[in-house]
Amino acid sequence: MHINLRISRTNVNGASASLLFNGSAITVYGATSTDYGLFSVSLDGNAPLLLNGSAPMFRPQNMLYYAGGLSDEVHSLTFTNADPNGSWFDLDKFVVSTWQTLDDIAISSSSSSTSHLPGPSLLNPNQSPQPK
């Protein structure tokens, strides 16, 4: 699922934006530039992670944050402009991904027929593979 925003930006210290989502992973995109600064990210109420949006030139659609391996429940993600100097922070797009968990794959594999493929074999570093 992609959530595209019209570029939402602020230079107010403490201004925040939150998103509730359900998925295995989230990627967040926004711009960076010379007049962009510190921002924090908090996932599911955990201690905020302080990041820096400063860059040598304007760069739109940069990946600002990624979290993966999330459980299948509702998650809360909060971004806060944490720069006391009036620097900018913006958000452009959220991409939420959902993948099967290992438990889902194991259940799916056990209920389907399996093919008999040769398993991997270990070679001594001094050996070369033998033709079959």
N, C-alpha and C. Protein backbone atom coordinates (compact mmCIF):
# COMPACT_ATOMS: atom_id res chain seq x y z
N MET A 1 0.84 -1.15 0.00
CA MET A 1 0.00 0.00 0.00
C MET A 1 0.90 1.23 0.00
N HIS A 2 0.62 2.14 -0.88
CA HIS A 2 1.35 3.40 -0.96
C HIS A 2 0.43 4.52 -0.50
N ILE A 3 0.93 5.36 0.36
CA ILE A 3 0.19 6.55 0.76
C ILE A 3 1.02 7.74 0.30
N ASN A 4 0.58 8.37 -0.78
CA ASN A 4 1.29 9.54 -1.29
C ASN A 4 0.70 10.79 -0.67
N LEU A 5 1.54 11.64 -0.21
CA LEU A 5 1.12 12.90 0.37
C LEU A 5 1.50 14.02 -0.58
N ARG A 6 0.76 15.06 -0.56
CA ARG A 6 1.31 16.28 -1.14
C ARG A 6 2.39 16.65 -0.15
N ILE A 7 3.51 17.08 -0.61
CA ILE A 7 4.62 17.31 0.31
C ILE A 7 4.11 18.09 1.52
N SER A 8 4.25 17.46 2.67
CA SER A 8 3.85 18.07 3.93
C SER A 8 5.12 18.44 4.67
N ARG A 9 5.29 19.74 4.92
CA ARG A 9 6.53 20.15 5.55
C ARG A 9 6.28 21.20 6.62
N THR A 10 7.25 21.28 7.53
CA THR A 10 7.15 22.25 8.61
C THR A 10 8.55 22.66 9.05
N ASN A 11 8.64 23.86 9.60
CA ASN A 11 9.88 24.28 10.23
C ASN A 11 9.63 24.64 11.70
N VAL A 12 8.51 24.13 12.23
CA VAL A 12 8.14 24.37 13.62
C VAL A 12 8.70 23.24 14.49
N ASN A 13 9.57 23.59 15.43
CA ASN A 13 10.13 22.60 16.34
C ASN A 13 9.00 21.98 17.16
N GLY A 14 8.95 20.66 17.21
CA GLY A 14 7.92 19.95 17.96
C GLY A 14 6.71 19.57 17.15
N ALA A 15 6.56 20.08 15.92
CA ALA A 15 5.44 19.69 15.07
C ALA A 15 5.59 18.21 14.73
N SER A 16 4.46 17.49 14.71
CA SER A 16 4.56 16.04 14.47
C SER A 16 3.46 15.56 13.54
N ALA A 17 3.69 14.38 12.99
CA ALA A 17 2.71 13.69 12.15
C ALA A 17 2.75 12.23 12.55
N SER A 18 1.56 11.61 12.64
CA SER A 18 1.47 10.21 13.04
C SER A 18 0.69 9.42 12.00
N LEU A 19 1.00 8.14 11.92
CA LEU A 19 0.34 7.23 11.00
C LEU A 19 0.07 5.92 11.73
N LEU A 20 -1.15 5.41 11.62
CA LEU A 20 -1.48 4.07 12.08
C LEU A 20 -1.50 3.17 10.85
N PHE A 21 -0.86 2.00 10.93
CA PHE A 21 -0.82 1.10 9.78
C PHE A 21 -0.74 -0.34 10.26
N ASN A 22 -1.09 -1.24 9.37
CA ASN A 22 -0.98 -2.67 9.63
C ASN A 22 -0.15 -3.26 8.51
N GLY A 23 1.01 -3.82 8.83
CA GLY A 23 1.87 -4.39 7.81
C GLY A 23 3.15 -4.93 8.41
N SER A 24 3.92 -5.63 7.59
CA SER A 24 5.19 -6.24 8.01
C SER A 24 6.35 -5.26 7.98
N ALA A 25 6.21 -4.21 7.16
CA ALA A 25 7.30 -3.25 6.99
C ALA A 25 6.74 -1.91 6.56
N ILE A 26 7.51 -0.86 6.84
CA ILE A 26 7.13 0.47 6.38
C ILE A 26 8.38 1.21 5.93
N THR A 27 8.26 1.91 4.81
CA THR A 27 9.32 2.76 4.29
C THR A 27 8.74 4.16 4.16
N VAL A 28 9.47 5.15 4.65
CA VAL A 28 8.98 6.53 4.63
C VAL A 28 9.96 7.38 3.82
N TYR A 29 9.39 8.19 2.93
CA TYR A 29 10.18 9.04 2.05
C TYR A 29 9.89 10.51 2.32
N GLY A 30 10.90 11.33 2.14
CA GLY A 30 10.76 12.78 2.28
C GLY A 30 11.99 13.44 1.69
N ALA A 31 11.98 14.75 1.69
CA ALA A 31 13.10 15.49 1.12
C ALA A 31 14.17 15.75 2.17
N THR A 32 15.37 16.00 1.68
CA THR A 32 16.49 16.46 2.50
C THR A 32 17.14 17.63 1.77
N SER A 33 17.78 18.51 2.52
CA SER A 33 18.42 19.67 1.90
C SER A 33 19.30 20.39 2.92
N THR A 34 19.92 21.47 2.48
CA THR A 34 20.82 22.23 3.35
C THR A 34 20.08 22.91 4.49
N ASP A 35 18.80 23.24 4.30
CA ASP A 35 18.04 23.91 5.36
C ASP A 35 17.08 22.96 6.09
N TYR A 36 17.37 21.68 6.01
CA TYR A 36 16.62 20.65 6.74
C TYR A 36 17.48 20.22 7.92
N GLY A 37 16.84 19.69 8.97
CA GLY A 37 17.62 19.37 10.17
C GLY A 37 17.15 18.12 10.87
N LEU A 38 17.21 18.16 12.19
CA LEU A 38 16.93 17.00 13.02
C LEU A 38 15.44 16.68 13.08
N PHE A 39 15.14 15.38 13.08
CA PHE A 39 13.77 14.92 13.30
C PHE A 39 13.84 13.61 14.05
N SER A 40 12.77 13.27 14.73
CA SER A 40 12.75 12.01 15.47
C SER A 40 11.62 11.13 14.95
N VAL A 41 11.81 9.82 15.13
CA VAL A 41 10.84 8.81 14.71
C VAL A 41 10.60 7.88 15.89
N SER A 42 9.34 7.63 16.17
CA SER A 42 8.98 6.68 17.23
C SER A 42 8.02 5.66 16.66
N LEU A 43 8.35 4.38 16.80
CA LEU A 43 7.50 3.29 16.33
C LEU A 43 6.88 2.61 17.54
N ASP A 44 5.57 2.53 17.56
CA ASP A 44 4.81 1.85 18.62
C ASP A 44 5.14 2.37 20.01
N GLY A 45 5.36 3.67 20.12
CA GLY A 45 5.59 4.29 21.43
C GLY A 45 6.97 4.06 22.01
N ASN A 46 7.86 3.44 21.25
CA ASN A 46 9.24 3.22 21.73
C ASN A 46 10.00 4.54 21.77
N ALA A 47 11.13 4.53 22.43
CA ALA A 47 11.96 5.73 22.53
C ALA A 47 12.24 6.26 21.12
N PRO A 48 12.15 7.57 20.93
CA PRO A 48 12.37 8.14 19.60
C PRO A 48 13.82 7.97 19.12
N LEU A 49 13.94 7.76 17.83
CA LEU A 49 15.23 7.67 17.15
C LEU A 49 15.47 9.04 16.52
N LEU A 50 16.59 9.67 16.85
CA LEU A 50 16.91 10.99 16.32
C LEU A 50 17.69 10.85 15.01
N LEU A 51 17.17 11.47 13.94
CA LEU A 51 17.79 11.40 12.61
C LEU A 51 18.03 12.81 12.09
N ASN A 52 18.83 12.91 11.02
CA ASN A 52 19.18 14.22 10.47
C ASN A 52 18.81 14.27 8.99
N GLY A 53 18.02 15.27 8.61
CA GLY A 53 17.59 15.43 7.22
C GLY A 53 18.45 16.40 6.43
N SER A 54 19.60 16.79 6.96
CA SER A 54 20.48 17.72 6.28
C SER A 54 21.22 17.02 5.13
N ALA A 55 21.35 17.72 4.01
CA ALA A 55 22.07 17.18 2.85
C ALA A 55 22.70 18.36 2.10
N PRO A 56 23.74 18.11 1.30
CA PRO A 56 24.43 19.20 0.61
C PRO A 56 23.60 19.91 -0.47
N MET A 57 22.52 19.28 -0.92
CA MET A 57 21.64 19.89 -1.92
C MET A 57 20.24 19.30 -1.76
N PHE A 58 19.25 19.91 -2.37
CA PHE A 58 17.88 19.42 -2.27
C PHE A 58 17.76 18.06 -2.94
N ARG A 59 17.23 17.11 -2.19
CA ARG A 59 17.03 15.75 -2.70
C ARG A 59 15.62 15.30 -2.34
N PRO A 60 14.70 15.29 -3.29
CA PRO A 60 13.34 14.83 -3.00
C PRO A 60 13.28 13.31 -2.96
N GLN A 61 12.26 12.81 -2.32
CA GLN A 61 11.98 11.37 -2.30
C GLN A 61 13.12 10.51 -1.77
N ASN A 62 13.83 10.98 -0.75
CA ASN A 62 14.84 10.17 -0.07
C ASN A 62 14.16 9.25 0.92
N MET A 63 14.73 8.07 1.11
CA MET A 63 14.22 7.20 2.16
C MET A 63 14.68 7.77 3.49
N LEU A 64 13.73 8.18 4.31
CA LEU A 64 14.04 8.75 5.61
C LEU A 64 14.05 7.70 6.72
N TYR A 65 13.23 6.64 6.55
CA TYR A 65 13.08 5.67 7.62
C TYR A 65 12.56 4.36 7.05
N TYR A 66 13.04 3.25 7.62
CA TYR A 66 12.54 1.92 7.26
C TYR A 66 12.47 1.07 8.53
N ALA A 67 11.41 0.32 8.67
CA ALA A 67 11.30 -0.69 9.73
C ALA A 67 10.69 -1.94 9.12
N GLY A 68 11.29 -3.08 9.38
CA GLY A 68 10.80 -4.35 8.84
C GLY A 68 10.71 -5.40 9.92
N GLY A 69 10.18 -6.56 9.55
CA GLY A 69 10.03 -7.66 10.49
C GLY A 69 8.99 -7.38 11.56
N LEU A 70 8.01 -6.56 11.22
CA LEU A 70 6.99 -6.17 12.19
C LEU A 70 5.92 -7.25 12.32
N SER A 71 5.31 -7.31 13.47
CA SER A 71 4.23 -8.27 13.71
C SER A 71 2.96 -7.82 12.99
N ASP A 72 2.05 -8.76 12.82
CA ASP A 72 0.81 -8.50 12.10
C ASP A 72 -0.22 -7.90 13.06
N GLU A 73 -0.03 -6.63 13.37
CA GLU A 73 -0.96 -5.90 14.23
C GLU A 73 -0.89 -4.43 13.84
N VAL A 74 -1.72 -3.62 14.44
CA VAL A 74 -1.72 -2.19 14.14
C VAL A 74 -0.49 -1.55 14.78
N HIS A 75 0.23 -0.77 14.00
CA HIS A 75 1.43 -0.07 14.46
C HIS A 75 1.19 1.44 14.38
N SER A 76 1.89 2.16 15.23
CA SER A 76 1.82 3.61 15.26
C SER A 76 3.21 4.16 14.98
N LEU A 77 3.29 5.09 14.04
CA LEU A 77 4.57 5.70 13.68
C LEU A 77 4.41 7.21 13.80
N THR A 78 5.30 7.84 14.56
CA THR A 78 5.23 9.29 14.77
C THR A 78 6.54 9.95 14.40
N PHE A 79 6.45 10.98 13.56
CA PHE A 79 7.60 11.81 13.18
C PHE A 79 7.45 13.16 13.84
N THR A 80 8.56 13.68 14.36
CA THR A 80 8.54 14.99 15.01
C THR A 80 9.72 15.82 14.53
N ASN A 81 9.45 17.07 14.16
CA ASN A 81 10.55 17.99 13.83
C ASN A 81 11.25 18.30 15.15
N ALA A 82 12.51 17.92 15.25
CA ALA A 82 13.26 18.04 16.51
C ALA A 82 14.38 19.06 16.40
N ASP A 83 14.29 19.95 15.42
CA ASP A 83 15.36 20.92 15.23
C ASP A 83 14.97 22.27 15.82
N PRO A 84 15.67 22.74 16.86
CA PRO A 84 15.31 24.00 17.51
C PRO A 84 15.69 25.24 16.70
N ASN A 85 16.36 25.07 15.57
CA ASN A 85 16.84 26.22 14.79
C ASN A 85 15.93 26.62 13.64
N GLY A 86 14.70 26.10 13.58
CA GLY A 86 13.78 26.45 12.51
C GLY A 86 14.07 25.75 11.20
N SER A 87 14.80 24.62 11.25
CA SER A 87 15.08 23.86 10.03
C SER A 87 13.82 23.12 9.59
N TRP A 88 13.78 22.81 8.31
CA TRP A 88 12.62 22.15 7.71
C TRP A 88 12.65 20.65 7.91
N PHE A 89 11.47 20.07 7.86
CA PHE A 89 11.29 18.62 7.83
C PHE A 89 10.07 18.35 6.97
N ASP A 90 10.16 17.36 6.07
CA ASP A 90 8.96 17.04 5.29
C ASP A 90 8.79 15.55 5.06
N LEU A 91 7.55 15.18 4.78
CA LEU A 91 7.16 13.81 4.46
C LEU A 91 6.48 13.82 3.10
N ASP A 92 6.85 12.84 2.26
CA ASP A 92 6.28 12.75 0.92
C ASP A 92 5.42 11.51 0.72
N LYS A 93 5.90 10.36 1.24
CA LYS A 93 5.22 9.11 0.92
C LYS A 93 5.51 8.06 1.98
N PHE A 94 4.49 7.25 2.29
CA PHE A 94 4.62 6.07 3.14
C PHE A 94 4.35 4.85 2.26
N VAL A 95 5.18 3.81 2.37
CA VAL A 95 4.94 2.56 1.67
C VAL A 95 4.87 1.46 2.72
N VAL A 96 3.69 0.85 2.84
CA VAL A 96 3.47 -0.22 3.80
C VAL A 96 3.48 -1.54 3.03
N SER A 97 4.28 -2.49 3.50
CA SER A 97 4.38 -3.80 2.85
C SER A 97 3.94 -4.89 3.82
N THR A 98 3.33 -5.93 3.27
CA THR A 98 2.94 -7.08 4.07
C THR A 98 3.46 -8.33 3.38
N TRP A 99 4.21 -9.12 4.13
CA TRP A 99 4.76 -10.37 3.62
C TRP A 99 4.31 -11.50 4.51
N GLN A 100 4.36 -12.70 3.98
CA GLN A 100 4.06 -13.87 4.78
C GLN A 100 5.11 -14.01 5.87
N THR A 101 4.67 -14.48 7.03
CA THR A 101 5.61 -14.77 8.10
C THR A 101 6.17 -16.17 7.89
N LEU A 102 7.22 -16.50 8.62
CA LEU A 102 7.79 -17.85 8.54
C LEU A 102 6.76 -18.88 8.96
N ASP A 103 5.91 -18.56 9.94
CA ASP A 103 4.85 -19.50 10.35
C ASP A 103 3.89 -19.74 9.21
N ASP A 104 3.48 -18.69 8.47
CA ASP A 104 2.59 -18.85 7.33
C ASP A 104 3.22 -19.72 6.26
N ILE A 105 4.51 -19.52 6.00
CA ILE A 105 5.21 -20.31 4.98
C ILE A 105 5.30 -21.76 5.41
N ALA A 106 5.59 -22.02 6.68
CA ALA A 106 5.70 -23.39 7.17
C ALA A 106 4.36 -24.11 7.06
N ILE A 107 3.26 -23.43 7.39
CA ILE A 107 1.94 -24.04 7.29
C ILE A 107 1.62 -24.33 5.83
N SER A 108 1.92 -23.37 4.95
CA SER A 108 1.67 -23.55 3.54
C SER A 108 2.50 -24.69 2.97
N SER A 109 3.76 -24.80 3.38
CA SER A 109 4.64 -25.85 2.87
C SER A 109 4.21 -27.22 3.35
N SER A 110 3.77 -27.33 4.59
CA SER A 110 3.40 -28.64 5.12
C SER A 110 2.10 -29.14 4.52
N SER A 111 1.25 -28.24 4.00
CA SER A 111 -0.01 -28.66 3.43
C SER A 111 0.10 -28.91 1.93
N SER A 112 1.21 -28.60 1.31
CA SER A 112 1.37 -28.82 -0.12
C SER A 112 2.34 -29.97 -0.35
N SER A 113 2.32 -30.53 -1.55
CA SER A 113 3.24 -31.61 -1.84
C SER A 113 4.65 -31.06 -1.98
N THR A 114 5.60 -31.84 -1.62
CA THR A 114 6.98 -31.39 -1.73
C THR A 114 7.68 -32.17 -2.81
N SER A 115 8.55 -31.52 -3.52
CA SER A 115 9.35 -32.21 -4.52
C SER A 115 10.65 -32.64 -3.86
N HIS A 116 11.24 -33.67 -4.38
CA HIS A 116 12.48 -34.20 -3.80
C HIS A 116 13.66 -33.68 -4.59
N LEU A 117 14.19 -32.59 -4.11
CA LEU A 117 15.37 -31.99 -4.73
C LEU A 117 16.58 -32.33 -3.89
N PRO A 118 17.71 -32.52 -4.51
CA PRO A 118 18.89 -32.80 -3.72
C PRO A 118 19.21 -31.62 -2.81
N GLY A 119 19.60 -31.92 -1.61
CA GLY A 119 19.95 -30.87 -0.66
C GLY A 119 21.34 -30.34 -0.92
N PRO A 120 21.71 -29.27 -0.26
CA PRO A 120 23.06 -28.73 -0.43
C PRO A 120 24.08 -29.68 0.16
N SER A 121 25.26 -29.65 -0.37
CA SER A 121 26.34 -30.47 0.18
C SER A 121 27.54 -29.57 0.44
N LEU A 122 28.28 -29.91 1.45
CA LEU A 122 29.46 -29.14 1.79
C LEU A 122 30.68 -29.76 1.13
N LEU A 123 31.53 -28.94 0.62
CA LEU A 123 32.76 -29.41 -0.02
C LEU A 123 33.94 -28.99 0.82
N ASN A 124 34.92 -29.84 0.83
CA ASN A 124 36.19 -29.47 1.41
C ASN A 124 36.77 -28.40 0.49
N PRO A 125 37.38 -27.34 1.00
CA PRO A 125 37.92 -26.29 0.11
C PRO A 125 38.88 -26.81 -0.94
N ASN A 126 39.47 -27.98 -0.72
CA ASN A 126 40.42 -28.53 -1.68
C ASN A 126 39.75 -29.44 -2.69
N GLN A 127 38.46 -29.68 -2.56
CA GLN A 127 37.75 -30.55 -3.49
C GLN A 127 37.05 -29.72 -4.55
N SER A 128 36.79 -30.33 -5.68
CA SER A 128 35.96 -29.70 -6.69
C SER A 128 34.72 -30.57 -6.84
N PRO A 129 33.62 -30.01 -7.29
CA PRO A 129 32.40 -30.79 -7.44
C PRO A 129 32.61 -31.95 -8.41
N GLN A 130 32.04 -33.10 -8.10
CA GLN A 130 32.10 -34.28 -8.95
C GLN A 130 30.88 -34.30 -9.85
N PRO A 131 31.05 -34.63 -11.12
CA PRO A 131 29.88 -34.72 -12.01
C PRO A 131 28.99 -35.85 -11.55
N LYS A 132 27.68 -35.69 -11.77
CA LYS A 132 26.70 -36.71 -11.33
C LYS A 132 26.29 -37.57 -12.48
